[in-house]
Amino acid sequence: MTYQKYSQAARKKVKEIRIAKNMTVKQLAGAAELSVSTIYRIENGKAEINLYTLYRLCTAFNIKASDFIKSL
């Protein structure tokens, strides 16, 4: 899988997990200590997920980053 495919899959997975956990974008942003606009930009393909952001999102979702990556 190419970088672009992983990046696209990761952004899609963020939205899937957020919805599965019944979280709003605002709730996820608060739990991850990220801005609401960052979450929107990630989910809509306007921003990449760097390691710091991945860590913050996985912490908010209460999952391991390795499990997140394996699920892609």
N, C-alpha and C. Protein backbone atom coordinates (compact mmCIF):
# COMPACT_ATOMS: atom_id res chain seq x y z
N MET A 1 0.85 -1.17 0.00
CA MET A 1 0.00 0.00 0.00
C MET A 1 0.90 1.24 0.00
N THR A 2 0.55 2.22 -0.80
CA THR A 2 1.34 3.44 -0.89
C THR A 2 1.03 4.38 0.28
N TYR A 3 1.87 5.38 0.45
CA TYR A 3 1.67 6.37 1.51
C TYR A 3 0.31 7.03 1.38
N GLN A 4 -0.05 7.40 0.16
CA GLN A 4 -1.34 8.07 -0.05
C GLN A 4 -2.51 7.17 0.34
N LYS A 5 -2.41 5.89 0.04
CA LYS A 5 -3.47 4.95 0.40
C LYS A 5 -3.57 4.79 1.92
N TYR A 6 -2.42 4.69 2.61
CA TYR A 6 -2.42 4.62 4.06
C TYR A 6 -3.01 5.88 4.68
N SER A 7 -2.62 7.01 4.14
CA SER A 7 -3.10 8.29 4.65
C SER A 7 -4.62 8.40 4.49
N GLN A 8 -5.10 8.03 3.33
CA GLN A 8 -6.54 8.06 3.07
C GLN A 8 -7.27 7.08 3.98
N ALA A 9 -6.73 5.88 4.15
CA ALA A 9 -7.35 4.87 5.01
C ALA A 9 -7.36 5.33 6.46
N ALA A 10 -6.30 5.98 6.90
CA ALA A 10 -6.22 6.47 8.28
C ALA A 10 -7.26 7.55 8.53
N ARG A 11 -7.42 8.46 7.60
CA ARG A 11 -8.44 9.52 7.76
C ARG A 11 -9.84 8.92 7.81
N LYS A 12 -10.09 7.95 6.96
CA LYS A 12 -11.40 7.29 6.96
C LYS A 12 -11.63 6.54 8.27
N LYS A 13 -10.59 5.89 8.77
CA LYS A 13 -10.69 5.12 10.02
C LYS A 13 -10.99 6.03 11.21
N VAL A 14 -10.42 7.22 11.22
CA VAL A 14 -10.70 8.18 12.30
C VAL A 14 -12.19 8.46 12.37
N LYS A 15 -12.79 8.74 11.24
CA LYS A 15 -14.22 9.02 11.21
C LYS A 15 -15.03 7.80 11.61
N GLU A 16 -14.64 6.63 11.12
CA GLU A 16 -15.35 5.39 11.47
C GLU A 16 -15.34 5.13 12.97
N ILE A 17 -14.17 5.28 13.57
CA ILE A 17 -14.05 5.04 15.02
C ILE A 17 -14.84 6.09 15.79
N ARG A 18 -14.74 7.34 15.38
CA ARG A 18 -15.47 8.41 16.06
C ARG A 18 -16.97 8.12 16.04
N ILE A 19 -17.50 7.72 14.91
CA ILE A 19 -18.93 7.43 14.79
C ILE A 19 -19.28 6.19 15.60
N ALA A 20 -18.44 5.16 15.54
CA ALA A 20 -18.69 3.93 16.30
C ALA A 20 -18.72 4.18 17.80
N LYS A 21 -17.94 5.15 18.25
CA LYS A 21 -17.91 5.50 19.67
C LYS A 21 -18.91 6.59 20.03
N ASN A 22 -19.78 6.92 19.07
CA ASN A 22 -20.83 7.93 19.28
C ASN A 22 -20.27 9.26 19.77
N MET A 23 -19.17 9.67 19.16
CA MET A 23 -18.55 10.94 19.51
C MET A 23 -18.82 11.97 18.43
N THR A 24 -19.06 13.20 18.85
CA THR A 24 -19.14 14.29 17.90
C THR A 24 -17.72 14.75 17.58
N VAL A 25 -17.58 15.54 16.55
CA VAL A 25 -16.27 16.10 16.23
C VAL A 25 -15.78 16.94 17.40
N LYS A 26 -16.66 17.71 17.99
CA LYS A 26 -16.29 18.55 19.13
C LYS A 26 -15.82 17.71 20.32
N GLN A 27 -16.50 16.61 20.58
CA GLN A 27 -16.10 15.72 21.69
C GLN A 27 -14.73 15.11 21.43
N LEU A 28 -14.51 14.65 20.20
CA LEU A 28 -13.22 14.07 19.85
C LEU A 28 -12.11 15.11 19.97
N ALA A 29 -12.38 16.29 19.47
CA ALA A 29 -11.39 17.36 19.54
C ALA A 29 -11.01 17.64 20.99
N GLY A 30 -11.99 17.71 21.86
CA GLY A 30 -11.72 17.96 23.27
C GLY A 30 -10.93 16.84 23.91
N ALA A 31 -11.33 15.60 23.64
CA ALA A 31 -10.66 14.45 24.23
C ALA A 31 -9.23 14.30 23.71
N ALA A 32 -9.02 14.67 22.46
CA ALA A 32 -7.70 14.53 21.84
C ALA A 32 -6.84 15.79 22.02
N GLU A 33 -7.42 16.82 22.60
CA GLU A 33 -6.74 18.10 22.77
C GLU A 33 -6.25 18.65 21.43
N LEU A 34 -7.14 18.54 20.43
CA LEU A 34 -6.91 19.09 19.10
C LEU A 34 -8.05 20.05 18.79
N SER A 35 -7.87 20.88 17.80
CA SER A 35 -8.95 21.81 17.44
C SER A 35 -10.03 21.08 16.64
N VAL A 36 -11.22 21.61 16.71
CA VAL A 36 -12.33 21.07 15.93
C VAL A 36 -11.99 21.13 14.44
N SER A 37 -11.37 22.22 14.03
CA SER A 37 -11.02 22.35 12.61
C SER A 37 -10.00 21.30 12.19
N THR A 38 -9.10 20.91 13.07
CA THR A 38 -8.14 19.86 12.75
C THR A 38 -8.85 18.54 12.49
N ILE A 39 -9.81 18.21 13.34
CA ILE A 39 -10.57 16.96 13.15
C ILE A 39 -11.34 17.01 11.83
N TYR A 40 -12.02 18.12 11.55
CA TYR A 40 -12.74 18.26 10.29
C TYR A 40 -11.78 18.11 9.10
N ARG A 41 -10.63 18.76 9.18
CA ARG A 41 -9.68 18.71 8.07
C ARG A 41 -9.15 17.30 7.86
N ILE A 42 -8.91 16.57 8.94
CA ILE A 42 -8.44 15.18 8.82
C ILE A 42 -9.52 14.33 8.16
N GLU A 43 -10.74 14.40 8.70
CA GLU A 43 -11.82 13.56 8.19
C GLU A 43 -12.20 13.88 6.74
N ASN A 44 -11.96 15.11 6.32
CA ASN A 44 -12.33 15.51 4.97
C ASN A 44 -11.16 15.53 4.00
N GLY A 45 -10.04 14.95 4.42
CA GLY A 45 -8.90 14.80 3.51
C GLY A 45 -8.12 16.06 3.26
N LYS A 46 -8.27 17.05 4.11
CA LYS A 46 -7.56 18.32 3.92
C LYS A 46 -6.30 18.41 4.76
N ALA A 47 -6.09 17.43 5.66
CA ALA A 47 -4.91 17.42 6.52
C ALA A 47 -4.41 16.00 6.69
N GLU A 48 -3.11 15.88 6.84
CA GLU A 48 -2.48 14.59 7.08
C GLU A 48 -2.45 14.33 8.59
N ILE A 49 -2.26 13.09 8.97
CA ILE A 49 -2.15 12.72 10.37
C ILE A 49 -0.67 12.47 10.67
N ASN A 50 -0.08 13.36 11.46
CA ASN A 50 1.31 13.14 11.86
C ASN A 50 1.35 12.26 13.12
N LEU A 51 2.53 11.92 13.58
CA LEU A 51 2.64 11.02 14.73
C LEU A 51 2.03 11.60 15.99
N TYR A 52 2.23 12.88 16.22
CA TYR A 52 1.65 13.53 17.40
C TYR A 52 0.13 13.45 17.35
N THR A 53 -0.44 13.77 16.20
CA THR A 53 -1.89 13.74 16.04
C THR A 53 -2.42 12.31 16.19
N LEU A 54 -1.72 11.35 15.62
CA LEU A 54 -2.12 9.95 15.75
C LEU A 54 -2.14 9.55 17.23
N TYR A 55 -1.11 9.93 17.96
CA TYR A 55 -1.04 9.64 19.39
C TYR A 55 -2.24 10.26 20.12
N ARG A 56 -2.53 11.52 19.85
CA ARG A 56 -3.64 12.22 20.51
C ARG A 56 -4.98 11.55 20.18
N LEU A 57 -5.18 11.19 18.93
CA LEU A 57 -6.43 10.54 18.51
C LEU A 57 -6.58 9.17 19.16
N CYS A 58 -5.53 8.38 19.15
CA CYS A 58 -5.60 7.05 19.75
C CYS A 58 -5.83 7.13 21.25
N THR A 59 -5.23 8.10 21.90
CA THR A 59 -5.47 8.31 23.33
C THR A 59 -6.94 8.63 23.56
N ALA A 60 -7.50 9.51 22.74
CA ALA A 60 -8.91 9.88 22.87
C ALA A 60 -9.83 8.69 22.61
N PHE A 61 -9.44 7.83 21.68
CA PHE A 61 -10.24 6.65 21.37
C PHE A 61 -9.98 5.49 22.33
N ASN A 62 -8.97 5.64 23.17
CA ASN A 62 -8.58 4.60 24.12
C ASN A 62 -8.15 3.31 23.40
N ILE A 63 -7.35 3.50 22.35
CA ILE A 63 -6.80 2.37 21.61
C ILE A 63 -5.30 2.58 21.43
N LYS A 64 -4.57 1.50 21.19
CA LYS A 64 -3.15 1.60 20.92
C LYS A 64 -2.93 2.07 19.49
N ALA A 65 -1.92 2.88 19.28
CA ALA A 65 -1.60 3.35 17.94
C ALA A 65 -1.27 2.16 17.03
N SER A 66 -0.60 1.15 17.59
CA SER A 66 -0.26 -0.03 16.77
C SER A 66 -1.52 -0.75 16.31
N ASP A 67 -2.55 -0.81 17.15
CA ASP A 67 -3.80 -1.43 16.76
C ASP A 67 -4.50 -0.61 15.68
N PHE A 68 -4.43 0.70 15.81
CA PHE A 68 -5.02 1.58 14.79
C PHE A 68 -4.35 1.32 13.45
N ILE A 69 -3.03 1.29 13.44
CA ILE A 69 -2.29 1.10 12.19
C ILE A 69 -2.57 -0.28 11.60
N LYS A 70 -2.61 -1.30 12.44
CA LYS A 70 -2.89 -2.66 11.95
C LYS A 70 -4.27 -2.76 11.33
N SER A 71 -5.20 -1.91 11.77
CA SER A 71 -6.59 -1.98 11.28
C SER A 71 -6.75 -1.35 9.90
N LEU A 72 -5.70 -0.72 9.40
CA LEU A 72 -5.83 -0.03 8.10
C LEU A 72 -5.84 -0.99 6.96
